[in-house]
N, C-alpha and C. Protein backbone atom coordinates (compact mmCIF):
# COMPACT_ATOMS: atom_id res chain seq x y z
N MET A 1 16.10 -2.93 17.22
CA MET A 1 14.77 -3.94 17.32
C MET A 1 13.75 -3.97 17.78
N ILE A 2 12.97 -5.16 16.59
CA ILE A 2 11.69 -5.04 15.82
C ILE A 2 10.71 -5.12 17.13
N LYS A 3 9.64 -4.94 17.49
CA LYS A 3 9.07 -5.51 18.28
C LYS A 3 7.53 -4.96 18.01
N LEU A 4 6.34 -6.02 18.76
CA LEU A 4 5.09 -6.55 18.94
C LEU A 4 5.05 -5.91 19.24
N LYS A 5 3.44 -5.03 19.25
CA LYS A 5 2.54 -4.69 19.65
C LYS A 5 0.97 -4.48 19.77
N ARG A 6 0.22 -4.51 20.48
CA ARG A 6 -1.31 -4.18 20.05
C ARG A 6 -1.59 -2.70 19.80
N ILE A 7 -2.36 -2.03 18.88
CA ILE A 7 -2.07 -0.37 19.14
C ILE A 7 -3.08 -0.59 20.14
N TYR A 8 -3.88 -1.27 20.76
CA TYR A 8 -4.58 -0.89 22.42
C TYR A 8 -3.88 -1.13 23.30
N GLU A 9 -2.62 -1.47 23.03
CA GLU A 9 -1.54 -1.16 24.40
C GLU A 9 -1.17 -0.23 24.72
N LYS A 10 -0.56 0.48 25.78
CA LYS A 10 -0.29 1.93 26.61
C LYS A 10 1.05 1.94 25.57
N PHE A 11 0.94 3.14 25.13
CA PHE A 11 2.58 3.72 23.97
C PHE A 11 3.72 3.36 25.30
N GLU A 12 4.61 3.36 25.32
CA GLU A 12 5.38 3.27 26.47
C GLU A 12 7.08 3.71 25.37
N GLU A 13 7.87 4.74 25.81
CA GLU A 13 8.74 5.42 25.61
C GLU A 13 9.67 4.26 24.81
N ASP A 14 10.05 3.05 25.45
CA ASP A 14 10.61 2.30 24.58
C ASP A 14 10.27 1.49 23.44
N ASP A 15 8.98 1.87 22.74
CA ASP A 15 8.57 1.68 21.98
C ASP A 15 9.48 2.06 20.95
N GLY A 16 9.63 3.06 21.09
CA GLY A 16 10.52 3.68 19.25
C GLY A 16 9.66 4.35 18.35
N PHE A 17 10.62 3.85 17.60
CA PHE A 17 9.44 4.47 15.88
C PHE A 17 8.49 3.12 15.49
N ARG A 18 7.22 3.60 15.40
CA ARG A 18 5.91 3.33 15.98
C ARG A 18 5.37 3.38 14.89
N ILE A 19 4.71 1.92 14.02
CA ILE A 19 4.59 1.69 12.51
C ILE A 19 3.33 0.51 12.79
N LEU A 20 2.20 1.67 12.56
CA LEU A 20 1.11 0.70 11.92
C LEU A 20 0.63 -0.57 10.69
N VAL A 21 1.35 -1.47 10.81
CA VAL A 21 1.05 -2.69 9.85
C VAL A 21 0.07 -2.89 9.51
N GLU A 22 -1.18 -2.55 9.92
CA GLU A 22 -2.48 -2.72 9.03
C GLU A 22 -2.64 -2.17 7.45
N ARG A 23 -3.76 -3.13 7.23
CA ARG A 23 -4.68 -2.53 5.84
C ARG A 23 -4.86 -1.30 6.32
N LEU A 24 -6.25 -2.12 7.21
CA LEU A 24 -7.43 -0.50 8.21
C LEU A 24 -7.08 -0.01 9.45
N TRP A 25 -7.74 0.74 9.26
CA TRP A 25 -7.31 1.89 10.69
C TRP A 25 -8.58 0.92 11.61
N PRO A 26 -7.34 0.43 13.01
CA PRO A 26 -8.48 -0.08 14.38
C PRO A 26 -9.22 0.65 14.47
N ARG A 27 -10.65 0.02 15.39
CA ARG A 27 -11.56 0.67 15.36
C ARG A 27 -11.62 0.96 16.84
N GLY A 28 -12.22 1.79 17.63
CA GLY A 28 -12.30 2.90 18.39
C GLY A 28 -11.12 3.58 19.10
N ILE A 29 -10.30 3.79 18.14
CA ILE A 29 -8.78 4.28 17.82
C ILE A 29 -9.44 5.51 17.57
N LYS A 30 -8.72 6.75 17.32
CA LYS A 30 -8.63 8.17 17.40
C LYS A 30 -7.03 8.19 16.69
N LYS A 31 -7.04 8.81 15.13
CA LYS A 31 -6.10 9.32 14.92
C LYS A 31 -4.79 9.90 15.86
N GLU A 32 -5.84 10.86 16.12
CA GLU A 32 -4.70 11.96 16.92
C GLU A 32 -4.30 11.48 18.37
N ASP A 33 -5.21 9.76 19.10
CA ASP A 33 -4.47 9.24 19.81
C ASP A 33 -3.65 8.28 20.09
N ALA A 34 -3.52 7.96 18.77
CA ALA A 34 -3.04 6.62 18.54
C ALA A 34 -1.38 6.58 18.92
N ARG A 35 -0.81 7.88 18.50
CA ARG A 35 1.08 7.83 18.85
C ARG A 35 1.20 6.80 17.55
N ILE A 36 1.37 7.68 16.42
CA ILE A 36 2.13 6.09 15.68
C ILE A 36 3.30 7.08 14.64
N ASP A 37 3.95 6.70 14.31
CA ASP A 37 5.39 7.85 13.12
C ASP A 37 4.68 7.63 12.03
N LEU A 38 3.81 6.54 11.83
CA LEU A 38 3.88 5.61 10.30
C LEU A 38 2.74 5.00 10.43
N TRP A 39 1.45 5.02 9.57
CA TRP A 39 0.66 4.34 8.77
C TRP A 39 1.54 3.56 7.76
N LEU A 40 1.93 2.39 7.62
CA LEU A 40 2.29 1.79 6.52
C LEU A 40 1.52 0.78 6.09
N LYS A 41 0.33 0.88 5.70
CA LYS A 41 -0.56 0.01 5.71
C LYS A 41 0.00 -0.81 3.51
N GLU A 42 0.55 -0.02 3.18
CA GLU A 42 1.06 -1.21 2.01
C GLU A 42 1.52 -1.94 2.19
N ILE A 43 2.13 -2.14 3.02
CA ILE A 43 3.77 -3.51 4.22
C ILE A 43 1.60 -4.72 4.65
N ALA A 44 0.81 -3.97 4.67
CA ALA A 44 -0.10 -5.26 4.94
C ALA A 44 -0.44 -6.27 3.86
N PRO A 45 -0.68 -7.48 3.81
CA PRO A 45 -0.94 -8.13 3.30
C PRO A 45 -2.32 -8.15 2.00
N SER A 46 -2.82 -8.32 0.99
CA SER A 46 -3.63 -7.88 0.40
C SER A 46 -5.46 -8.08 1.07
N ASN A 47 -6.26 -7.18 0.74
CA ASN A 47 -7.94 -7.44 1.06
C ASN A 47 -7.63 -8.65 1.48
N GLU A 48 -7.61 -9.54 -0.21
CA GLU A 48 -8.07 -11.27 -0.85
C GLU A 48 -7.01 -12.01 0.46
N LEU A 49 -6.00 -11.75 0.89
CA LEU A 49 -5.37 -13.06 1.87
C LEU A 49 -5.64 -12.61 3.11
N ARG A 50 -5.31 -11.37 3.48
CA ARG A 50 -6.32 -10.71 4.73
C ARG A 50 -7.80 -11.87 5.16
N LYS A 51 -8.75 -10.90 4.20
CA LYS A 51 -9.86 -12.62 4.50
C LYS A 51 -9.93 -13.76 4.04
N TRP A 52 -9.04 -14.34 3.40
CA TRP A 52 -8.73 -15.87 3.57
C TRP A 52 -7.93 -16.61 4.45
N PHE A 53 -6.78 -15.81 5.19
CA PHE A 53 -6.45 -16.11 6.56
C PHE A 53 -7.62 -16.25 7.84
N SER A 54 -8.24 -15.28 7.79
CA SER A 54 -9.25 -14.46 8.51
C SER A 54 -8.23 -15.47 10.52
N HIS A 55 -6.88 -15.49 10.44
CA HIS A 55 -6.29 -15.16 11.77
C HIS A 55 -6.89 -16.61 12.36
N ASP A 56 -7.28 -17.96 10.91
CA ASP A 56 -6.72 -18.99 10.99
C ASP A 56 -5.40 -19.84 11.12
N SER A 57 -5.25 -20.05 12.79
CA SER A 57 -3.79 -20.78 13.04
C SER A 57 -3.68 -22.23 11.71
N ASN A 58 -4.60 -22.46 11.51
CA ASN A 58 -4.64 -23.72 10.87
C ASN A 58 -3.81 -23.12 9.67
N LYS A 59 -4.08 -22.09 9.23
CA LYS A 59 -3.77 -21.49 7.22
C LYS A 59 -2.52 -20.63 7.99
N TRP A 60 -1.46 -20.54 8.68
CA TRP A 60 -0.49 -20.24 9.04
C TRP A 60 0.62 -20.40 8.56
N ASP A 61 0.55 -21.17 7.99
CA ASP A 61 2.18 -21.45 6.72
C ASP A 61 1.55 -21.18 5.56
N GLU A 62 0.73 -21.37 5.31
CA GLU A 62 0.53 -21.53 3.91
C GLU A 62 -0.28 -20.02 3.74
N PHE A 63 -0.48 -18.77 4.83
CA PHE A 63 -0.45 -17.20 4.57
C PHE A 63 1.05 -16.83 4.48
N LYS A 64 1.57 -16.88 5.73
CA LYS A 64 3.01 -16.86 5.60
C LYS A 64 3.77 -16.60 3.53
N ASN A 65 3.31 -17.86 3.40
CA ASN A 65 4.33 -18.40 1.97
C ASN A 65 2.84 -17.17 1.47
N ARG A 66 2.16 -17.04 1.14
CA ARG A 66 1.60 -16.35 0.81
C ARG A 66 2.02 -14.64 0.67
N TYR A 67 1.70 -14.28 1.84
CA TYR A 67 2.78 -12.88 2.03
C TYR A 67 3.22 -12.83 2.25
N PHE A 68 4.78 -13.72 2.45
CA PHE A 68 5.59 -12.91 1.39
C PHE A 68 6.19 -12.73 0.06
N GLN A 69 5.02 -13.53 -0.60
CA GLN A 69 5.24 -13.92 -1.94
C GLN A 69 4.80 -11.68 -2.13
N GLU A 70 3.90 -11.64 -1.60
CA GLU A 70 3.50 -10.57 -1.58
C GLU A 70 4.34 -9.24 -1.92
N LEU A 71 5.04 -9.37 -0.22
CA LEU A 71 6.31 -8.13 -0.22
C LEU A 71 7.68 -8.88 -0.42
N ASN A 72 8.00 -9.80 -1.38
CA ASN A 72 8.84 -9.93 -2.54
C ASN A 72 8.07 -9.01 -3.07
N ASN A 73 7.38 -8.37 -3.68
CA ASN A 73 6.46 -8.08 -4.70
C ASN A 73 6.11 -6.67 -4.60
N LYS A 74 7.54 -5.73 -3.32
CA LYS A 74 6.89 -4.59 -3.06
C LYS A 74 8.33 -4.12 -2.23
N LYS A 75 9.42 -4.04 -3.11
CA LYS A 75 10.38 -3.72 -3.02
C LYS A 75 11.05 -2.66 -2.22
N ASP A 76 9.77 -1.55 -2.87
CA ASP A 76 10.18 0.01 -2.43
C ASP A 76 9.76 -0.21 -1.22
N VAL A 77 8.46 -0.64 -0.97
CA VAL A 77 8.11 -0.48 0.45
C VAL A 77 8.85 -1.30 1.16
N VAL A 78 9.04 -2.25 0.99
CA VAL A 78 10.67 -3.41 2.32
C VAL A 78 11.28 -2.78 2.57
N ASN A 79 12.15 -2.56 1.09
CA ASN A 79 12.84 -1.14 1.36
C ASN A 79 13.23 0.27 2.15
N LYS A 80 11.61 0.81 2.35
CA LYS A 80 11.01 2.18 3.18
C LYS A 80 11.73 1.40 4.42
N LEU A 81 11.05 0.46 4.71
CA LEU A 81 10.63 -0.13 6.09
C LEU A 81 12.53 -0.41 6.64
N LEU A 82 12.75 -0.54 5.95
CA LEU A 82 14.50 -1.34 5.82
C LEU A 82 15.07 -0.45 6.44
N GLU A 83 14.64 0.69 5.59
CA GLU A 83 15.82 1.54 6.48
C GLU A 83 15.63 2.19 7.57
N ILE A 84 14.02 2.91 7.85
CA ILE A 84 13.20 3.33 9.17
C ILE A 84 14.64 2.34 10.01
N ILE A 85 14.06 1.11 10.19
CA ILE A 85 14.97 0.40 10.77
C ILE A 85 16.03 0.52 11.51
N LYS A 86 17.07 0.68 10.33
CA LYS A 86 18.47 0.72 10.15
C LYS A 86 18.52 2.17 10.86
N ASN A 87 17.99 3.17 10.87
CA ASN A 87 17.24 4.57 11.58
C ASN A 87 17.30 4.45 13.02
N ASN A 88 16.63 3.31 13.50
CA ASN A 88 16.77 3.40 15.04
C ASN A 88 16.31 2.55 15.78
N LYS A 89 16.64 2.63 17.10
CA LYS A 89 17.04 2.25 17.52
C LYS A 89 16.23 0.76 18.09
N ASN A 90 15.50 1.44 18.32
CA ASN A 90 13.16 0.31 17.86
C ASN A 90 12.74 0.89 17.23
N VAL A 91 12.00 -0.56 16.88
CA VAL A 91 10.95 -0.18 16.33
C VAL A 91 9.95 -1.28 15.83
N THR A 92 8.63 -0.54 16.46
CA THR A 92 7.18 -1.87 17.43
C THR A 92 6.34 -1.67 16.15
N PHE A 93 5.88 -2.48 15.63
CA PHE A 93 4.59 -2.77 14.62
C PHE A 93 3.86 -2.75 15.69
N LEU A 94 2.59 -1.95 14.48
CA LEU A 94 1.51 -2.44 16.10
C LEU A 94 0.50 -3.16 14.75
N TYR A 95 -0.49 -3.51 15.62
CA TYR A 95 -1.22 -4.55 14.75
C TYR A 95 -2.73 -4.27 15.75
N SER A 96 -3.47 -4.58 15.49
CA SER A 96 -4.62 -4.63 15.94
C SER A 96 -5.72 -5.63 16.49
N THR A 97 -5.66 -7.14 15.74
CA THR A 97 -6.49 -8.17 15.58
C THR A 97 -5.90 -8.04 18.04
N LYS A 98 -6.93 -9.21 18.23
CA LYS A 98 -6.71 -9.59 19.36
C LYS A 98 -5.28 -10.94 19.87
N GLU A 99 -5.44 -11.77 18.23
CA GLU A 99 -4.58 -12.31 17.89
C GLU A 99 -3.33 -12.34 17.95
N ASN A 100 -2.14 -13.33 18.81
CA ASN A 100 -1.01 -11.79 19.44
C ASN A 100 -0.28 -13.68 18.43
N ASN A 101 -0.23 -14.17 18.31
CA ASN A 101 0.16 -15.06 17.45
C ASN A 101 0.20 -15.07 16.25
N PHE A 102 -0.49 -15.32 15.74
CA PHE A 102 -1.04 -15.93 14.07
C PHE A 102 -1.84 -13.94 13.53
N ASN A 103 -0.59 -13.33 13.45
CA ASN A 103 -1.21 -12.06 12.19
C ASN A 103 0.02 -11.44 11.48
N ASN A 104 -0.34 -10.92 10.99
CA ASN A 104 0.37 -10.26 9.79
C ASN A 104 1.93 -9.56 10.68
N ALA A 105 1.97 -8.83 11.38
CA ALA A 105 3.19 -8.42 12.14
C ALA A 105 4.03 -9.54 12.60
N VAL A 106 3.23 -10.76 13.32
CA VAL A 106 4.05 -11.73 13.84
C VAL A 106 5.19 -11.77 12.14
N ALA A 107 4.12 -11.89 11.48
CA ALA A 107 5.11 -13.18 9.90
C ALA A 107 5.66 -11.41 9.16
N LEU A 108 5.47 -10.73 9.29
CA LEU A 108 6.27 -9.27 8.92
C LEU A 108 7.33 -9.45 9.43
N LYS A 109 7.77 -9.30 10.84
CA LYS A 109 8.97 -9.30 11.57
C LYS A 109 9.73 -10.63 11.35
N GLU A 110 8.59 -11.84 11.47
CA GLU A 110 9.64 -12.85 10.76
C GLU A 110 10.69 -12.72 9.01
N TYR A 111 9.55 -12.24 8.33
CA TYR A 111 10.28 -11.69 7.15
C TYR A 111 11.21 -10.52 6.97
N ILE A 112 10.77 -9.46 7.82
CA ILE A 112 11.58 -8.47 7.48
C ILE A 112 13.31 -8.54 8.61
N GLU A 113 13.52 -9.89 9.65
CA GLU A 113 14.47 -9.98 10.16
C GLU A 113 15.39 -10.67 9.22
N LYS A 114 14.77 -12.04 8.63
CA LYS A 114 15.60 -12.40 7.37
C LYS A 114 16.20 -11.32 6.80
N LEU A 115 15.15 -10.22 6.19
CA LEU A 115 16.03 -9.41 5.07
C LEU A 115 17.03 -9.04 5.82
N LYS A 116 16.81 -8.11 7.13
CA LYS A 116 17.92 -7.17 7.57
C LYS A 116 19.75 -7.41 7.51
N THR A 117 19.39 -8.86 7.92
CA THR A 117 21.11 -9.99 7.98
C THR A 117 21.44 -9.56 6.35
N ASN A 118 20.68 -9.26 5.68
CA ASN A 118 21.49 -8.75 4.20
C ASN A 118 21.60 -7.53 3.46
N TYR A 119 20.73 -6.71 4.75
CA TYR A 119 20.65 -5.49 4.15
C TYR A 119 22.43 -4.16 4.42
C-alpha cells in the first residue's frame, strides 16, 4: 500500500518504508531526525517543472502530463521504486509542501499505481 504524508507529520510504525520524493531537502528537518529510509530525489519533477507548477491547482492536469513524461524517461529509478513497493507491505511517499492535494507525491502515487498493476 502506498501512503502519502508530509515529512513534518509524526513518524508512525505503519508508515512502513519511508521515501522522501522531493528534489530539495525540507526546511527545518535535520537529516538524522527525518526517519526516512530513502531520499529518492531523482524521482522528483525537474526544477523547471517544479517551478513552473508552483502548486497551482489550475495547472494540475498539465503538470501531471509533463511529470508523467519525465517519469517515462526515468525507467531505472521508476523500476527501483516499483521493486521497493513490491518488497514492502507499506510504503510512504514523504513530501514537504503544505498543499496536500496538488503535489508531486500525489501525482507520483497515481503514476505508480497505474504501472504497478502491470509490474
